[in-house]
Protein backbone atom coordinates (compact mmCIF):
# COMPACT_ATOMS: atom_id res chain seq x y z
CA MET A 1 -8.97 24.15 -39.93
CA PRO A 2 -5.08 24.62 -39.79
CA LYS A 3 -3.15 21.71 -38.82
CA ASN A 4 -1.54 21.90 -35.53
CA VAL A 5 0.91 19.09 -36.16
CA PHE A 6 3.27 18.04 -39.03
CA ALA A 7 5.01 14.82 -38.83
CA GLY A 8 7.27 12.61 -41.22
CA VAL A 9 8.65 9.21 -41.26
CA GLY A 10 11.81 8.01 -43.05
CA ILE A 11 13.87 4.81 -43.51
CA SER A 12 17.01 3.44 -45.03
CA LYS A 13 19.01 0.23 -45.32
CA ALA A 14 21.97 1.81 -46.70
CA ASP A 15 25.10 -0.07 -45.84
CA ASP A 16 27.18 2.69 -45.10
CA PRO A 17 26.03 3.95 -41.74
CA PHE A 18 26.54 7.69 -42.50
CA ASN A 19 24.24 7.60 -45.39
CA ALA A 20 21.62 5.65 -43.58
CA GLY A 21 21.27 8.24 -40.94
CA LYS A 22 21.26 11.19 -43.33
CA GLU A 23 18.69 9.46 -45.98
CA ALA A 24 16.28 8.48 -43.12
CA VAL A 25 15.79 11.95 -41.77
CA GLU A 26 16.03 13.52 -45.34
CA MET A 27 13.07 11.38 -46.27
CA ALA A 28 11.17 12.12 -42.82
CA LEU A 29 11.65 15.82 -43.43
CA LYS A 30 10.68 15.31 -47.02
CA GLU A 31 7.24 13.82 -45.96
CA MET A 32 6.77 16.46 -43.00
CA LYS A 33 7.00 19.03 -45.53
CA LYS A 34 4.60 17.45 -47.91
CA GLN A 35 1.97 17.87 -44.87
CA GLY A 36 2.96 21.63 -44.76
CA GLY A 37 5.67 21.51 -42.33
CA LYS A 38 8.79 23.69 -42.58
CA LYS A 39 11.52 23.26 -39.70
CA PRO A 40 11.04 20.32 -37.44
CA THR A 41 10.53 21.03 -33.48
CA PHE A 42 12.37 17.85 -32.53
CA GLY A 43 13.65 14.49 -34.29
CA LEU A 44 13.60 10.71 -33.18
CA VAL A 45 16.09 8.12 -34.69
CA PHE A 46 15.82 4.21 -34.20
CA CYS A 47 18.58 2.15 -35.82
CA SER A 48 19.57 -1.62 -36.04
CA GLY A 49 22.30 -2.34 -33.24
CA GLY A 50 23.75 -5.25 -34.87
CA LYS A 51 24.36 -3.41 -38.28
CA TYR A 52 25.06 0.16 -37.29
CA GLY A 53 25.91 -0.16 -33.47
CA LYS A 54 28.59 -2.85 -33.93
CA ASP A 55 31.09 -0.41 -32.42
CA ASP A 56 31.66 3.33 -31.45
CA LYS A 57 33.02 4.19 -34.84
CA THR A 58 30.05 2.90 -36.72
CA ILE A 59 27.54 4.45 -34.88
CA GLN A 60 29.22 7.83 -34.71
CA LYS A 61 28.89 7.64 -38.43
CA LEU A 62 25.28 6.97 -38.51
CA VAL A 63 24.67 9.86 -35.84
CA ASP A 64 26.88 11.99 -37.73
CA GLY A 65 24.52 11.22 -40.85
CA ALA A 66 21.56 12.21 -38.90
CA HIS A 67 22.93 15.28 -37.43
CA SER A 68 24.18 16.63 -40.95
CA VAL A 69 20.69 17.13 -41.83
CA PHE A 70 19.11 18.05 -38.31
CA GLY A 71 21.53 20.74 -37.58
CA ASP A 72 20.43 22.89 -34.88
CA THR A 73 16.95 20.78 -34.51
CA LEU A 74 16.77 18.96 -31.01
CA TRP A 75 16.71 15.23 -31.61
CA LEU A 76 17.45 11.73 -29.91
CA GLY A 77 17.65 8.16 -30.53
CA CYS A 78 19.17 4.87 -29.67
CA THR A 79 19.96 1.38 -31.15
CA THR A 80 17.04 -1.35 -31.42
CA ALA A 81 16.62 -5.21 -31.85
CA GLY A 82 14.37 -4.55 -34.73
CA GLU A 83 12.46 -1.34 -36.38
CA LEU A 84 8.90 -0.70 -36.73
CA SER A 85 7.43 2.24 -38.88
CA ASN A 86 4.85 3.06 -41.73
CA TYR A 87 6.94 0.69 -43.81
CA GLY A 88 6.43 -2.16 -41.53
CA PHE A 89 8.44 -4.36 -39.47
CA THR A 90 12.29 -4.04 -40.61
CA GLU A 91 15.57 -5.16 -39.94
CA LYS A 92 19.20 -3.79 -40.47
CA SER A 93 17.66 -0.35 -40.95
CA CYS A 94 17.40 2.98 -39.61
CA VAL A 95 13.76 4.88 -39.18
CA ALA A 96 13.42 8.59 -38.38
CA LEU A 97 10.52 10.83 -37.27
CA THR A 98 10.47 14.56 -37.88
CA VAL A 99 7.97 16.60 -35.90
CA GLU A 100 6.97 20.49 -36.22
CA SER A 101 4.28 21.91 -33.95
CA GLU A 102 4.07 25.27 -32.26
CA TYR A 103 2.34 23.42 -29.55
CA ILE A 104 5.13 21.20 -28.74
CA HIS A 105 8.19 22.43 -26.63
CA ILE A 106 11.11 20.13 -25.91
CA GLY A 107 14.09 19.98 -22.99
CA ILE A 108 16.72 17.64 -23.10
CA GLY A 109 18.92 16.42 -20.61
CA ILE A 110 21.97 13.91 -20.08
CA GLY A 111 22.28 11.66 -16.95
CA ASP A 112 25.54 9.41 -16.97
CA ASP A 113 26.50 6.29 -15.14
CA THR A 114 23.37 4.39 -14.93
CA ASN A 115 25.14 1.34 -13.91
CA GLU A 116 26.50 2.60 -10.77
CA LYS A 117 24.67 5.68 -10.08
CA PRO A 118 21.11 4.94 -11.96
CA LYS A 119 18.99 7.22 -9.70
CA GLN A 120 21.28 10.08 -9.58
CA ALA A 121 21.53 9.88 -13.37
CA GLY A 122 17.48 10.07 -13.67
CA LYS A 123 17.92 13.20 -11.34
CA GLU A 124 20.47 15.01 -13.14
CA ALA A 125 18.83 13.93 -16.84
CA ILE A 126 15.37 15.67 -15.97
CA LYS A 127 16.77 18.79 -13.93
CA GLN A 128 19.13 19.43 -17.28
CA ALA A 129 15.91 19.12 -19.48
CA LEU A 130 13.71 21.31 -17.16
CA ASN A 131 16.54 24.10 -17.27
CA SER A 132 16.70 23.71 -21.07
CA ILE A 133 12.97 23.84 -22.12
CA LYS A 134 11.81 27.01 -23.61
CA VAL A 135 8.01 27.18 -23.23
CA ASP A 136 5.99 29.72 -25.05
CA GLU A 137 4.99 32.60 -22.76
CA TYR A 138 1.64 33.21 -24.58
CA VAL A 139 0.29 30.40 -26.55
CA GLU A 140 0.72 27.74 -24.04
CA PRO A 141 -0.78 29.97 -20.97
CA TYR A 142 -3.63 31.17 -23.30
CA ILE A 143 -4.77 27.59 -24.26
CA ARG A 144 -4.59 26.36 -20.34
CA TYR A 145 -6.76 29.40 -19.75
CA LEU A 146 -9.30 28.53 -22.27
CA ALA A 147 -9.39 25.07 -20.99
CA GLU A 148 -10.07 26.09 -17.46
CA LYS A 149 -12.82 28.35 -18.82
CA LYS A 150 -14.50 25.90 -21.36
CA LEU A 151 -13.86 22.19 -20.05
CA HIS A 152 -15.66 20.24 -17.51
CA MET A 153 -13.68 19.49 -14.44
CA SER A 154 -13.98 15.89 -15.59
CA GLU A 155 -11.93 16.59 -18.56
CA LEU A 156 -9.72 19.17 -16.72
CA VAL A 157 -8.34 16.53 -14.35
CA ARG A 158 -7.26 14.32 -17.20
CA MET A 159 -5.10 16.91 -19.10
CA ARG A 160 -1.30 15.96 -19.13
CA PRO A 161 0.58 19.17 -20.07
CA TYR A 162 3.82 17.47 -19.65
CA TYR A 163 5.25 14.29 -20.88
CA VAL A 164 8.58 12.94 -20.29
CA LEU A 165 10.51 10.88 -22.88
CA MET A 166 13.14 8.66 -21.66
CA LEU A 167 15.74 6.52 -23.66
CA THR A 168 18.37 4.65 -21.66
CA THR A 169 21.12 1.88 -22.67
CA GLY A 170 19.55 -1.35 -21.91
CA PHE A 171 21.20 -4.59 -20.62
CA THR A 172 23.72 -6.74 -22.04
CA CYS A 173 25.89 -9.78 -20.83
CA THR A 174 27.75 -7.64 -18.45
CA LYS A 175 25.47 -4.97 -17.17
CA ARG A 176 21.98 -4.14 -16.29
CA GLY A 177 19.38 -1.64 -17.25
CA ASN A 178 18.62 -0.19 -13.75
CA GLU A 179 15.52 1.21 -15.47
CA ASP A 180 13.29 1.30 -12.37
CA ASP A 181 16.21 3.21 -10.46
CA ILE A 182 16.52 5.81 -13.19
CA ILE A 183 12.54 6.55 -13.16
CA GLU A 184 12.79 6.85 -9.30
CA GLY A 185 15.50 9.43 -9.96
CA ILE A 186 13.31 11.36 -12.21
CA ILE A 187 9.92 10.85 -9.98
CA ASP A 188 12.25 12.39 -7.14
CA VAL A 189 12.14 15.84 -9.09
CA ILE A 190 9.07 16.23 -10.87
CA GLY A 191 6.51 13.99 -8.79
CA SER A 192 4.65 10.90 -10.03
CA ARG A 193 1.63 12.72 -11.90
CA VAL A 194 3.82 13.24 -15.04
CA PRO A 195 3.81 10.25 -17.43
CA ILE A 196 7.20 8.75 -18.35
CA PHE A 197 7.27 7.01 -21.45
CA GLY A 198 10.32 5.39 -23.48
CA THR A 199 12.75 2.64 -24.02
CA SER A 200 15.81 0.87 -23.38
CA SER A 201 18.03 0.37 -26.30
CA ALA A 202 19.19 -2.95 -27.71
CA ASP A 203 21.63 -4.54 -30.16
CA ASP A 204 19.89 -7.07 -32.05
CA PHE A 205 20.21 -9.77 -29.63
CA ASN A 206 24.11 -9.61 -29.64
CA LEU A 207 24.02 -8.60 -26.13
CA LYS A 208 27.65 -6.73 -26.39
CA LYS A 209 26.93 -3.04 -26.42
CA THR A 210 23.97 -0.61 -26.67
CA TYR A 211 23.65 2.89 -27.33
CA VAL A 212 21.63 6.15 -27.15
CA PHE A 213 22.39 9.38 -29.09
CA CYS A 214 21.38 12.85 -28.85
CA ASN A 215 22.30 16.15 -30.82
CA GLY A 216 25.16 14.17 -32.73
CA LYS A 217 26.66 12.64 -29.83
CA ILE A 218 26.68 8.91 -28.68
CA TYR A 219 26.52 7.68 -25.12
CA GLU A 220 26.85 4.69 -23.36
CA LYS A 221 25.55 4.00 -19.49
CA THR A 222 23.54 7.15 -20.00
CA ALA A 223 20.16 8.04 -19.66
CA ILE A 224 18.64 10.73 -22.25
CA VAL A 225 15.31 12.23 -20.75
CA ALA A 226 13.18 14.99 -22.68
CA ILE A 227 10.88 16.91 -20.91
CA ILE A 228 7.69 17.62 -23.57
CA SER A 229 5.09 20.55 -22.65
CA THR A 230 2.02 20.49 -24.87
CA SER A 231 -1.17 21.60 -25.34
CA LEU A 232 -2.10 18.66 -27.63
CA LYS A 233 -3.90 15.49 -26.46
CA ILE A 234 -1.83 12.50 -25.72
CA GLY A 235 -2.71 8.90 -25.19
CA SER A 236 -0.05 6.05 -23.78
CA ARG A 237 -0.98 2.50 -23.02
CA VAL A 238 0.92 -0.76 -22.17
CA GLU A 239 -0.34 -4.09 -23.56
CA HIS A 240 0.91 -7.55 -23.44
CA GLY A 241 -1.62 -10.22 -24.37
CA TYR A 242 -1.28 -12.13 -20.95
CA ILE A 243 -4.01 -13.28 -18.56
CA PRO A 244 -3.74 -14.54 -15.13
CA THR A 245 -4.12 -18.09 -13.85
CA ASP A 246 -5.35 -19.25 -10.61
CA LYS A 247 -1.49 -20.04 -9.48
CA SER A 248 -0.03 -16.95 -7.22
CA MET A 249 2.62 -16.40 -4.86
CA PHE A 250 2.67 -13.59 -1.91
CA VAL A 251 6.18 -11.60 -2.04
CA ASN A 252 7.43 -11.52 1.57
CA LYS A 253 10.96 -10.32 1.20
CA VAL A 254 12.64 -8.15 -1.51
CA LYS A 255 15.87 -6.14 -1.85
CA ASP A 256 16.20 -4.21 -4.91
CA TYR A 257 15.62 -6.50 -7.82
CA ILE A 258 16.27 -9.69 -5.68
CA VAL A 259 13.00 -11.49 -4.31
CA TYR A 260 14.32 -13.56 -1.25
CA GLN A 261 11.05 -15.11 -0.32
CA LEU A 262 7.65 -16.21 -1.87
CA ASP A 263 4.92 -17.58 0.57
CA GLY A 264 7.32 -17.74 3.49
CA LYS A 265 10.13 -20.00 1.50
CA ASN A 266 13.09 -19.38 -0.27
CA ALA A 267 11.95 -17.68 -3.45
CA PHE A 268 13.25 -20.42 -5.99
CA ASP A 269 12.14 -23.22 -3.86
CA ARG A 270 8.30 -21.75 -4.10
CA TYR A 271 8.63 -20.66 -7.66
CA ALA A 272 9.70 -24.03 -8.93
CA GLU A 273 7.08 -25.81 -6.61
CA VAL A 274 3.99 -23.64 -7.79
CA LEU A 275 5.35 -23.88 -11.30
CA GLY A 276 5.18 -27.69 -11.09
CA LYS A 277 9.09 -27.82 -12.36
CA THR A 278 12.35 -29.31 -10.74
CA LYS A 279 14.85 -26.56 -9.96
CA GLU A 280 17.21 -28.00 -12.52
CA GLU A 281 14.68 -27.90 -15.23
CA ILE A 282 14.18 -24.15 -14.65
CA TRP A 283 17.95 -23.35 -14.15
CA PRO A 284 20.17 -26.36 -15.07
CA ALA A 285 23.52 -26.41 -13.13
CA THR A 286 25.29 -27.93 -15.73
CA MET A 287 24.75 -24.79 -17.84
CA LYS A 288 26.84 -22.96 -15.24
CA LEU A 289 24.44 -19.87 -16.30
CA GLN A 290 25.86 -17.55 -13.93
CA GLN A 291 29.11 -17.61 -15.08
CA LEU A 292 28.20 -16.13 -18.56
CA GLY A 293 26.66 -12.91 -17.12
CA PRO A 294 23.93 -11.99 -14.50
CA ILE A 295 21.01 -11.83 -17.16
CA SER A 296 19.64 -15.00 -18.51
CA THR A 297 18.28 -13.61 -21.82
CA ALA A 298 22.01 -12.84 -22.79
CA PHE A 299 21.85 -16.43 -24.03
CA MET A 300 19.75 -15.45 -26.92
CA GLY A 301 22.85 -13.63 -28.36
CA PHE A 302 24.84 -16.65 -27.48
CA ALA A 303 22.33 -19.02 -29.10
CA LYS A 304 22.23 -17.01 -32.24
CA THR A 305 26.01 -17.07 -32.95
CA MET A 306 25.97 -20.88 -32.09
CA GLY A 307 22.88 -21.71 -34.41
CA VAL A 308 21.22 -23.34 -31.25
CA ASP A 309 17.43 -23.33 -30.27
CA VAL A 310 17.38 -20.60 -27.22
CA MET A 311 14.49 -22.08 -25.75
CA LYS A 312 16.59 -25.40 -25.39
CA LEU A 313 19.51 -23.50 -23.92
CA SER A 314 17.88 -21.49 -21.22
CA PRO A 315 14.35 -22.94 -20.11
CA ILE A 316 13.83 -19.65 -18.21
CA ILE A 317 13.36 -17.71 -21.34
CA GLU A 318 10.73 -20.01 -22.39
CA ILE A 319 9.02 -19.99 -19.08
CA ASN A 320 9.02 -16.18 -19.05
CA CYS A 321 7.29 -16.07 -22.69
CA ASN A 322 4.96 -18.83 -21.75
CA SER A 323 4.18 -18.43 -18.08
CA PRO A 324 5.68 -15.03 -16.81
CA LEU A 325 5.02 -13.81 -13.32
CA ALA A 326 2.81 -10.31 -13.05
CA LEU A 327 1.78 -8.06 -10.45
CA CYS A 328 -1.96 -6.87 -10.38
CA GLU A 329 -1.89 -3.27 -10.68
CA TYR A 330 -3.12 -1.78 -7.46
CA LYS A 331 -4.24 1.68 -8.68
CA PRO A 332 -7.91 2.22 -8.65
CA TYR A 333 -8.17 3.17 -12.53
CA ALA A 334 -5.80 0.00 -13.42
CA LYS A 335 -8.10 -2.57 -11.70
CA GLY A 336 -7.61 -5.86 -13.38
CA ARG A 337 -4.38 -4.97 -15.45
CA PHE A 338 -1.39 -6.59 -14.88
CA TRP A 339 2.45 -5.71 -14.79
CA VAL A 340 4.60 -8.59 -16.33
CA LYS A 341 7.59 -8.99 -14.01
CA ALA A 342 10.33 -11.42 -15.59
CA VAL A 343 12.84 -13.53 -13.81
CA ASP A 344 16.12 -12.96 -15.27
CA SER A 345 18.28 -15.15 -13.16
CA VAL A 346 18.76 -17.47 -9.94
CA VAL A 347 20.88 -16.28 -7.24
CA GLU A 348 22.82 -18.87 -4.97
CA ASN A 349 20.23 -21.39 -6.18
CA LYS A 350 17.55 -19.75 -3.73
CA TYR A 351 16.78 -16.56 -4.78
CA LEU A 352 15.14 -14.84 -8.07
CA ARG A 353 16.49 -11.86 -9.64
CA PHE A 354 13.87 -9.87 -11.77
CA THR A 355 14.43 -7.60 -14.64
CA GLU A 356 12.00 -5.09 -12.80
CA LYS A 357 11.58 -4.26 -9.16
CA VAL A 358 8.83 -6.24 -7.36
CA PRO A 359 7.44 -4.57 -4.29
CA GLN A 360 7.13 -6.34 -0.97
CA GLY A 361 3.81 -7.41 0.41
CA THR A 362 2.41 -7.72 -3.23
CA THR A 363 0.87 -10.73 -5.00
CA LEU A 364 2.48 -12.36 -7.90
CA TYR A 365 0.46 -14.34 -10.61
CA PHE A 366 1.31 -16.87 -12.97
CA MET A 367 0.08 -15.75 -16.38
CA LYS A 368 -0.76 -17.18 -19.55
CA THR A 369 -1.12 -16.42 -23.11
CA THR A 370 -1.97 -17.70 -26.68
CA LYS A 371 -0.22 -16.79 -30.04
CA ASP A 372 -3.26 -14.74 -30.95
CA ARG A 373 -3.38 -12.69 -27.84
CA SER A 374 0.26 -11.99 -27.94
CA LEU A 375 0.12 -11.17 -31.77
CA LYS A 376 -2.45 -8.37 -31.01
CA ALA A 377 -1.00 -6.65 -28.05
CA ALA A 378 0.51 -4.10 -30.31
CA GLN A 379 -2.73 -3.43 -32.07
CA LYS A 380 -4.42 -3.20 -28.62
CA SER A 381 -1.84 -0.71 -27.27
CA VAL A 382 -2.26 1.76 -30.12
CA LYS A 383 -5.93 1.36 -30.03
CA GLU A 384 -6.29 2.20 -26.42
CA SER A 385 -3.72 5.26 -26.92
CA LEU A 386 -5.75 6.55 -29.68
CA LYS A 387 -8.79 6.95 -27.65
CA TYR A 388 -6.89 9.43 -25.06
CA ALA A 389 -5.09 11.09 -28.40
CA GLY A 390 -8.45 12.39 -29.86
CA SER A 391 -10.34 11.49 -32.97
CA LYS A 392 -7.10 11.37 -34.80
CA GLY A 393 -3.44 10.82 -34.14
CA ALA A 394 -0.83 13.37 -35.60
CA PHE A 395 1.82 10.93 -34.89
CA GLY A 396 3.13 8.05 -32.63
CA ILE A 397 5.89 6.14 -30.88
CA VAL A 398 5.67 2.37 -30.26
CA ILE A 399 8.08 0.20 -28.19
CA ASP A 400 7.94 -3.54 -28.41
CA CYS A 401 9.77 -6.00 -26.22
CA ALA A 402 12.80 -7.76 -27.91
CA LEU A 403 11.59 -10.79 -26.30
CA HIS A 404 8.34 -10.58 -27.40
CA ARG A 405 9.75 -10.50 -31.01
CA TRP A 406 11.71 -13.72 -30.51
CA PHE A 407 8.27 -15.28 -29.09
CA LEU A 408 6.41 -14.38 -31.99
CA GLY A 409 9.09 -15.46 -34.51
CA LYS A 410 7.98 -15.31 -37.99
CA HIS A 411 4.59 -13.79 -36.97
CA ALA A 412 6.43 -10.56 -35.82
CA LYS A 413 5.82 -8.86 -39.11
CA ARG A 414 1.95 -9.53 -38.93
CA SER A 415 1.91 -8.12 -35.30
CA THR A 416 3.06 -4.75 -37.10
CA GLU A 417 0.48 -5.10 -39.98
CA LEU A 418 -2.06 -5.45 -37.30
CA MET A 419 -1.06 -2.32 -35.54
CA GLU A 420 -0.68 -0.25 -38.75
CA LYS A 421 -4.14 -1.18 -39.71
CA THR A 422 -5.27 0.46 -36.60
CA MET A 423 -2.94 3.63 -36.78
CA LYS A 424 -3.93 3.96 -40.47
CA ASP A 425 -2.05 6.58 -41.98
CA ILE A 426 -0.66 7.96 -38.71
CA PRO A 427 3.08 8.76 -38.91
CA PHE A 428 5.07 6.66 -36.44
CA ILE A 429 8.08 4.79 -35.75
CA GLY A 430 8.97 1.96 -33.02
CA MET A 431 11.70 -0.56 -32.21
CA TYR A 432 12.14 -3.68 -30.34
CA SER A 433 13.50 -3.13 -26.99
CA HIS A 434 15.53 -4.16 -24.04
CA GLY A 435 12.79 -2.62 -21.73
CA GLU A 436 9.40 -0.78 -22.51
CA ILE A 437 8.78 2.15 -20.24
CA LEU A 438 5.40 3.67 -19.19
CA ASP A 439 5.80 4.89 -15.57
CA GLY A 440 8.13 2.07 -14.67
CA LYS A 441 9.90 -0.95 -16.63
CA HIS A 442 8.05 -3.52 -18.41
CA THR A 443 8.68 -6.58 -20.23
CA ILE A 444 7.39 -8.73 -22.78
CA SER A 445 4.95 -5.76 -23.33
CA VAL A 446 4.08 -3.19 -26.32
CA ALA A 447 4.16 0.48 -24.93
CA SER A 448 2.75 3.01 -27.32
CA MET A 449 2.39 6.87 -27.20
CA ILE A 450 0.15 9.00 -29.63
CA VAL A 451 0.02 12.61 -29.81
CA GLY A 452 -3.33 13.89 -31.10
CA GLU A 453 -3.98 16.46 -33.79
CA LYS A 454 -6.26 18.25 -31.79
CA LEU A 455 -5.58 20.94 -29.08
CA VAL A 456 -6.99 20.12 -25.47
CA VAL A 457 -9.55 22.76 -26.33
CA SER A 458 -10.02 24.97 -29.50
CA LYS A 459 -8.64 28.14 -29.72
CA GLY A 460 -11.52 29.55 -31.65
CA LYS A 461 -11.89 30.90 -35.42
CA LYS A 462 -9.92 34.28 -34.54
CA GLY A 463 -6.83 32.32 -32.72
CA ILE A 464 -5.13 34.33 -30.14
């Protein structure tokens, strides 16, 4: 049976950024060609934010190196807080994925000013992507015709002929990611039935500047959106390893990312009460955290440079890792699954600001986990994605949370090993991020997308 997809993965740890980008893509191409591929349909690159993204000049050199190999191939990527691939969990590296398939068509768009106009940025990016995609006028319609003719209705309704891949610049000490607003803009254009998968860029816990890049150019405060049209089976899933406790709070009043009231009380007061801690224990006034930026996770970078234990420096980080809040998903197919919502800061000593939007009129549950559950979250994510990708995956993308990496500590490597065991020989790359995206922004979670080797329906021995 002929192969429908050819994919290869490459890695480089070269100190020179141009060479790192060039070597990683060259290796990926070489591996893809070993499988029988020729010219890639698209490419993806993730690289260390601390090493290669320390300034505009350095990251441009890496992008130039990658682009010197990609040429006119469409490709995109971003900076990270750690890299994942078939070569394991690595730091200070660059990983690349190249994919060729006549059954994958892609269009890419750019949306600027995600700081001030995130929703508009999402709209503009997806509109550009839709206008630039070139779908085969014969192969794709024929396969979908065969699907309508051969498949049972229960299979037809689960087909996902389109997917969105979204990369955006993640939060830093001075700006928010605004991922949910960007996603809302995308949904305004294409509706809510098309899956949106992706990541927010990172910079190795420095929290200074993160980058996305596309087709040889670097961007900041930008969302890059790719629309993918395919007749291949695709599976995607988010997992985090947390389970609910018996403690919960009802969300009475919300605006944007700030929750004002929980159980009819000021949000911070009620949060501290149910958590069983004083407000000072959660958000120490002596630290004057608000003056160092709106996002408490920024203290990971500060602690790293000072050699201080981050969990002692900012208690809210430890609480987010051990006892995060989560929303029970209301969708019928997601019954019993929980969406982690992390508190990132306290406003006026009364309200809670979250990294994700929290719907008004919902219930937030305190969660708990064990090291073992957290360790196996990535493995469970790819296992579930594989179920929908078919009997064999052709390639995969895995997005893990930078805070999850911090929580796992020295066990982060083991988490990747368990994931690789499940994926076996499937080519994949991934990263530790400032936001895991699957139809919304997640945190302390692992999102995976696996594209299957098989078409949604066989063309038959004679083909078209």
